[in-house]
PDB file of N, CA and C in Angstrom:
ATOM      1  N   UNK A   1     156.796  60.681 124.270  1.00  0.00           N
ATOM      2  CA  UNK A   1     157.296  60.767 125.545  1.00  0.00           C
ATOM      3  C   UNK A   1     158.470  60.101 125.864  1.00  0.00           C
ATOM      4  N   UNK A   2     159.442  60.455 126.355  1.00  0.00           N
ATOM      5  CA  UNK A   2     160.796  59.981 126.671  1.00  0.00           C
ATOM      6  C   UNK A   2     160.547  58.554 127.699  1.00  0.00           C
ATOM      7  N   UNK A   3     161.329  57.581 127.411  1.00  0.00           N
ATOM      8  CA  UNK A   3     161.103  56.363 128.394  1.00  0.00           C
ATOM      9  C   UNK A   3     161.240  56.564 129.661  1.00  0.00           C
ATOM     10  N   UNK A   4     162.090  57.537 130.159  1.00  0.00           N
ATOM     11  CA  UNK A   4     162.342  57.720 131.536  1.00  0.00           C
ATOM     12  C   UNK A   4     161.186  58.230 132.291  1.00  0.00           C
ATOM     13  N   UNK A   5     160.389  59.374 131.366  1.00  0.00           N
ATOM     14  CA  UNK A   5     159.307  59.833 132.068  1.00  0.00           C
ATOM     15  C   UNK A   5     158.026  58.808 132.029  1.00  0.00           C
ATOM     16  N   UNK A   6     158.172  57.992 131.032  1.00  0.00           N
ATOM     17  CA  UNK A   6     157.030  57.060 130.949  1.00  0.00           C
ATOM     18  C   UNK A   6     157.125  56.163 132.422  1.00  0.00           C
ATOM     19  N   UNK A   7     158.500  55.627 132.352  1.00  0.00           N
ATOM     20  CA  UNK A   7     158.449  54.819 133.568  1.00  0.00           C
ATOM     21  C   UNK A   7     158.238  55.393 134.715  1.00  0.00           C
ATOM     22  N   UNK A   8     158.417  56.670 134.953  1.00  0.00           N
ATOM     23  CA  UNK A   8     158.440  57.566 136.258  1.00  0.00           C
ATOM     24  C   UNK A   8     156.906  57.751 136.562  1.00  0.00           C
ATOM     25  N   UNK A   9     156.015  57.937 135.291  1.00  0.00           N
ATOM     26  CA  UNK A   9     154.556  58.269 135.331  1.00  0.00           C
ATOM     27  C   UNK A   9     153.865  56.805 135.683  1.00  0.00           C
ATOM     28  N   UNK A  10     154.372  55.716 135.195  1.00  0.00           N
ATOM     29  CA  UNK A  10     153.958  54.339 135.377  1.00  0.00           C
ATOM     30  C   UNK A  10     154.061  53.956 136.738  1.00  0.00           C
ATOM     31  N   UNK A  11     155.170  54.329 137.406  1.00  0.00           N
ATOM     32  CA  UNK A  11     155.804  53.973 138.857  1.00  0.00           C
ATOM     33  C   UNK A  11     154.714  54.826 139.713  1.00  0.00           C
ATOM     34  N   UNK A  12     154.517  56.047 139.607  1.00  0.00           N
ATOM     35  CA  UNK A  12     153.657  56.906 140.538  1.00  0.00           C
ATOM     36  C   UNK A  12     152.106  56.458 140.024  1.00  0.00           C
ATOM     37  N   UNK A  13     151.787  55.996 139.164  1.00  0.00           N
ATOM     38  CA  UNK A  13     150.335  55.331 139.312  1.00  0.00           C
ATOM     39  C   UNK A  13     150.262  54.312 139.876  1.00  0.00           C
ATOM     40  N   UNK A  14     151.216  53.298 139.839  1.00  0.00           N
ATOM     41  CA  UNK A  14     151.109  52.013 140.602  1.00  0.00           C
ATOM     42  C   UNK A  14     151.147  52.585 142.278  1.00  0.00           C
ATOM     43  N   UNK A  15     152.062  53.210 142.483  1.00  0.00           N
ATOM     44  CA  UNK A  15     152.149  53.817 143.943  1.00  0.00           C
ATOM     45  C   UNK A  15     150.933  54.269 144.252  1.00  0.00           C
ATOM     46  N   UNK A  16     150.199  55.117 143.615  1.00  0.00           N
ATOM     47  CA  UNK A  16     148.705  55.919 143.838  1.00  0.00           C
ATOM     48  C   UNK A  16     147.885  54.610 144.042  1.00  0.00           C
ATOM     49  N   UNK A  17     147.814  53.762 143.323  1.00  0.00           N
ATOM     50  CA  UNK A  17     146.891  52.511 143.703  1.00  0.00           C
ATOM     51  C   UNK A  17     147.149  51.946 144.653  1.00  0.00           C
ATOM     52  N   UNK A  18     148.328  51.404 145.028  1.00  0.00           N
ATOM     53  CA  UNK A  18     148.592  50.964 146.471  1.00  0.00           C
ATOM     54  C   UNK A  18     148.817  51.675 147.555  1.00  0.00           C
ATOM     55  N   UNK A  19     148.643  53.107 147.516  1.00  0.00           N
ATOM     56  CA  UNK A  19     148.437  53.819 148.836  1.00  0.00           C
ATOM     57  C   UNK A  19     147.252  53.834 149.256  1.00  0.00           C
ATOM     58  N   UNK A  20     146.195  53.470 148.310  1.00  0.00           N
ATOM     59  CA  UNK A  20     144.713  53.183 148.727  1.00  0.00           C
ATOM     60  C   UNK A  20     144.418  52.428 149.368  1.00  0.00           C
ATOM     61  N   UNK A  21     145.465  51.046 149.762  1.00  0.00           N
ATOM     62  CA  UNK A  21     145.266  50.013 150.381  1.00  0.00           C
ATOM     63  C   UNK A  21     145.810  49.727 151.739  1.00  0.00           C
ATOM     64  N   UNK A  22     145.518  49.116 152.764  1.00  0.00           N
ATOM     65  CA  UNK A  22     146.046  48.965 153.778  1.00  0.00           C
ATOM     66  C   UNK A  22     147.386  48.431 153.622  1.00  0.00           C
ATOM     67  N   UNK A  23     148.244  49.056 154.260  1.00  0.00           N
ATOM     68  CA  UNK A  23     149.922  48.786 153.934  1.00  0.00           C
ATOM     69  C   UNK A  23     150.008  47.431 154.716  1.00  0.00           C
ATOM     70  N   UNK A  24     149.194  47.027 155.623  1.00  0.00           N
ATOM     71  CA  UNK A  24     149.321  45.649 156.374  1.00  0.00           C
ATOM     72  C   UNK A  24     148.708  44.423 155.470  1.00  0.00           C
ATOM     73  N   UNK A  25     148.084  44.690 154.610  1.00  0.00           N
ATOM     74  CA  UNK A  25     147.475  43.942 153.834  1.00  0.00           C
ATOM     75  C   UNK A  25     148.585  42.700 152.904  1.00  0.00           C
ATOM     76  N   UNK A  26     148.215  41.471 153.185  1.00  0.00           N
ATOM     77  CA  UNK A  26     149.083  40.694 152.515  1.00  0.00           C
ATOM     78  C   UNK A  26     148.987  40.066 151.089  1.00  0.00           C
ATOM     79  N   UNK A  27     149.647  40.003 150.296  1.00  0.00           N
ATOM     80  CA  UNK A  27     149.525  39.511 148.907  1.00  0.00           C
ATOM     81  C   UNK A  27     150.594  38.301 148.518  1.00  0.00           C
ATOM     82  N   UNK A  28     149.796  37.261 147.757  1.00  0.00           N
ATOM     83  CA  UNK A  28     150.891  36.301 147.606  1.00  0.00           C
ATOM     84  C   UNK A  28     151.423  36.643 146.153  1.00  0.00           C
ATOM     85  N   UNK A  29     152.805  36.647 146.124  1.00  0.00           N
ATOM     86  CA  UNK A  29     153.542  36.691 144.815  1.00  0.00           C
ATOM     87  C   UNK A  29     154.026  35.268 144.613  1.00  0.00           C
ATOM     88  N   UNK A  30     153.726  35.031 143.231  1.00  0.00           N
ATOM     89  CA  UNK A  30     154.077  33.607 142.896  1.00  0.00           C
ATOM     90  C   UNK A  30     155.616  33.219 142.861  1.00  0.00           C
ATOM     91  N   UNK A  31     155.950  32.496 143.769  1.00  0.00           N
ATOM     92  CA  UNK A  31     157.433  31.987 143.686  1.00  0.00           C
ATOM     93  C   UNK A  31     158.323  32.857 144.769  1.00  0.00           C
ATOM     94  N   UNK A  32     157.541  33.761 145.379  1.00  0.00           N
ATOM     95  CA  UNK A  32     158.005  34.764 146.372  1.00  0.00           C
ATOM     96  C   UNK A  32     157.289  34.449 147.858  1.00  0.00           C
ATOM     97  N   UNK A  33     155.993  33.974 147.992  1.00  0.00           N
ATOM     98  CA  UNK A  33     155.292  33.806 149.061  1.00  0.00           C
ATOM     99  C   UNK A  33     154.756  35.248 149.271  1.00  0.00           C
ATOM    100  N   UNK A  34     154.306  35.334 150.619  1.00  0.00           N
ATOM    101  CA  UNK A  34     153.696  36.753 151.094  1.00  0.00           C
ATOM    102  C   UNK A  34     154.695  38.071 150.901  1.00  0.00           C
ATOM    103  N   UNK A  35     153.926  38.938 150.571  1.00  0.00           N
ATOM    104  CA  UNK A  35     154.463  40.460 150.892  1.00  0.00           C
ATOM    105  C   UNK A  35     153.382  41.200 151.058  1.00  0.00           C
ATOM    106  N   UNK A  36     153.671  42.211 152.100  1.00  0.00           N
ATOM    107  CA  UNK A  36     152.497  43.163 152.407  1.00  0.00           C
ATOM    108  C   UNK A  36     152.585  44.347 151.391  1.00  0.00           C
ATOM    109  N   UNK A  37     151.416  45.203 151.230  1.00  0.00           N
ATOM    110  CA  UNK A  37     151.586  45.993 150.428  1.00  0.00           C
ATOM    111  C   UNK A  37     152.424  47.193 150.749  1.00  0.00           C
ATOM    112  N   UNK A  38     152.734  47.381 152.086  1.00  0.00           N
ATOM    113  CA  UNK A  38     153.679  48.235 152.635  1.00  0.00           C
ATOM    114  C   UNK A  38     155.110  47.968 151.911  1.00  0.00           C
ATOM    115  N   UNK A  39     155.350  46.686 151.887  1.00  0.00           N
ATOM    116  CA  UNK A  39     156.713  46.417 151.433  1.00  0.00           C
ATOM    117  C   UNK A  39     156.668  46.484 149.770  1.00  0.00           C
ATOM    118  N   UNK A  40     155.749  46.248 149.343  1.00  0.00           N
ATOM    119  CA  UNK A  40     155.603  46.426 147.874  1.00  0.00           C
ATOM    120  C   UNK A  40     155.832  47.778 147.447  1.00  0.00           C
ATOM    121  N   UNK A  41     155.218  48.663 148.241  1.00  0.00           N
ATOM    122  CA  UNK A  41     155.356  50.278 148.155  1.00  0.00           C
ATOM    123  C   UNK A  41     156.993  50.545 148.098  1.00  0.00           C
ATOM    124  N   UNK A  42     157.677  50.102 149.357  1.00  0.00           N
ATOM    125  CA  UNK A  42     159.007  50.068 149.844  1.00  0.00           C
ATOM    126  C   UNK A  42     159.792  49.736 148.339  1.00  0.00           C
ATOM    127  N   UNK A  43     159.617  48.491 147.948  1.00  0.00           N
ATOM    128  CA  UNK A  43     160.308  48.108 146.725  1.00  0.00           C
ATOM    129  C   UNK A  43     160.136  48.856 145.576  1.00  0.00           C
ATOM    130  N   UNK A  44     159.049  49.415 145.111  1.00  0.00           N
ATOM    131  CA  UNK A  44     158.589  50.367 144.212  1.00  0.00           C
ATOM    132  C   UNK A  44     159.500  51.705 144.413  1.00  0.00           C
ATOM    133  N   UNK A  45     159.334  52.158 145.596  1.00  0.00           N
ATOM    134  CA  UNK A  45     160.140  53.531 145.892  1.00  0.00           C
ATOM    135  C   UNK A  45     161.526  53.374 145.625  1.00  0.00           C
ATOM    136  N   UNK A  46     162.355  52.240 146.087  1.00  0.00           N
ATOM    137  CA  UNK A  46     163.596  51.843 146.023  1.00  0.00           C
ATOM    138  C   UNK A  46     163.967  51.602 144.577  1.00  0.00           C
ATOM    139  N   UNK A  47     163.330  51.170 143.723  1.00  0.00           N
ATOM    140  CA  UNK A  47     163.173  51.125 142.259  1.00  0.00           C
ATOM    141  C   UNK A  47     164.212  49.815 141.986  1.00  0.00           C
ATOM    142  N   UNK A  48     164.158  48.827 142.961  1.00  0.00           N
ATOM    143  CA  UNK A  48     165.027  47.745 142.688  1.00  0.00           C
ATOM    144  C   UNK A  48     164.307  46.782 141.584  1.00  0.00           C
ATOM    145  N   UNK A  49     164.742  45.753 141.602  1.00  0.00           N
ATOM    146  CA  UNK A  49     164.257  44.599 140.322  1.00  0.00           C
ATOM    147  C   UNK A  49     162.845  44.294 140.822  1.00  0.00           C
ATOM    148  N   UNK A  50     162.541  43.968 142.197  1.00  0.00           N
ATOM    149  CA  UNK A  50     161.164  43.549 142.411  1.00  0.00           C
ATOM    150  C   UNK A  50     160.198  44.592 142.301  1.00  0.00           C
ATOM    151  N   UNK A  51     160.832  45.912 142.640  1.00  0.00           N
ATOM    152  CA  UNK A  51     159.992  46.974 142.649  1.00  0.00           C
ATOM    153  C   UNK A  51     159.250  47.290 141.086  1.00  0.00           C
ATOM    154  N   UNK A  52     160.509  47.359 140.128  1.00  0.00           N
ATOM    155  CA  UNK A  52     160.223  47.317 138.794  1.00  0.00           C
ATOM    156  C   UNK A  52     159.197  46.272 138.190  1.00  0.00           C
ATOM    157  N   UNK A  53     159.599  45.046 138.618  1.00  0.00           N
ATOM    158  CA  UNK A  53     158.718  43.759 138.102  1.00  0.00           C
ATOM    159  C   UNK A  53     157.496  43.936 138.548  1.00  0.00           C
ATOM    160  N   UNK A  54     156.974  44.453 139.924  1.00  0.00           N
ATOM    161  CA  UNK A  54     155.742  45.018 140.406  1.00  0.00           C
ATOM    162  C   UNK A  54     155.106  45.787 139.508  1.00  0.00           C
ATOM    163  N   UNK A  55     155.550  47.045 139.155  1.00  0.00           N
ATOM    164  CA  UNK A  55     155.033  47.832 138.241  1.00  0.00           C
ATOM    165  C   UNK A  55     154.672  47.446 136.938  1.00  0.00           C
ATOM    166  N   UNK A  56     155.680  46.720 136.416  1.00  0.00           N
ATOM    167  CA  UNK A  56     155.314  46.102 134.781  1.00  0.00           C
ATOM    168  C   UNK A  56     154.133  45.191 135.083  1.00  0.00           C
ATOM    169  N   UNK A  57     154.112  44.384 135.872  1.00  0.00           N
ATOM    170  CA  UNK A  57     153.015  43.700 136.069  1.00  0.00           C
ATOM    171  C   UNK A  57     151.259  44.329 136.181  1.00  0.00           C
ATOM    172  N   UNK A  58     151.463  45.520 137.405  1.00  0.00           N
ATOM    173  CA  UNK A  58     150.264  46.245 137.485  1.00  0.00           C
ATOM    174  C   UNK A  58     150.018  47.085 136.289  1.00  0.00           C
ATOM    175  N   UNK A  59     150.903  47.304 135.319  1.00  0.00           N
ATOM    176  CA  UNK A  59     150.782  48.280 134.103  1.00  0.00           C
ATOM    177  C   UNK A  59     150.251  47.283 133.309  1.00  0.00           C
ATOM    178  N   UNK A  60     150.689  46.128 133.138  1.00  0.00           N
ATOM    179  CA  UNK A  60     150.304  45.150 132.261  1.00  0.00           C
ATOM    180  C   UNK A  60     148.767  44.598 132.744  1.00  0.00           C
ATOM    181  N   UNK A  61     148.378  44.591 133.549  1.00  0.00           N
ATOM    182  CA  UNK A  61     147.057  44.407 134.302  1.00  0.00           C
ATOM    183  C   UNK A  61     145.980  45.323 133.997  1.00  0.00           C
ATOM    184  N   UNK A  62     146.577  46.490 134.123  1.00  0.00           N
ATOM    185  CA  UNK A  62     145.643  47.575 133.664  1.00  0.00           C
ATOM    186  C   UNK A  62     145.481  47.707 132.339  1.00  0.00           C
ATOM    187  N   UNK A  63     146.292  47.448 131.485  1.00  0.00           N
ATOM    188  CA  UNK A  63     146.219  47.086 129.901  1.00  0.00           C
ATOM    189  C   UNK A  63     145.172  46.279 129.427  1.00  0.00           C
ATOM    190  N   UNK A  64     145.116  45.082 130.177  1.00  0.00           N
ATOM    191  CA  UNK A  64     144.108  44.069 130.183  1.00  0.00           C
ATOM    192  C   UNK A  64     142.781  44.637 130.371  1.00  0.00           C
ATOM    193  N   UNK A  65     142.673  45.205 131.685  1.00  0.00           N
ATOM    194  CA  UNK A  65     141.373  45.593 132.032  1.00  0.00           C
ATOM    195  C   UNK A  65     140.723  46.656 131.155  1.00  0.00           C
ATOM    196  N   UNK A  66     141.796  47.481 130.519  1.00  0.00           N
ATOM    197  CA  UNK A  66     141.339  48.643 129.578  1.00  0.00           C
ATOM    198  C   UNK A  66     140.799  47.973 128.358  1.00  0.00           C
ATOM    199  N   UNK A  67     140.953  46.779 127.856  1.00  0.00           N
ATOM    200  CA  UNK A  67     140.815  46.351 126.526  1.00  0.00           C
ATOM    201  C   UNK A  67     139.545  45.569 126.417  1.00  0.00           C
TER     202      UNK A  67
END
């Protein structure tokens, strides 16, 4: 699988997980303070650095849970 396809699939997986949550729910991100689920979704959809970091952390968490 190409890297671009893998990143797209990971992004869609994380978005699907977050879309099951209340968009107004707040989460504390280390060093950033509070952010809502809706704001995280926006950052992931924009593909900015924060969005990419959120996807990477979520994928790592899923990998840990799977082992």
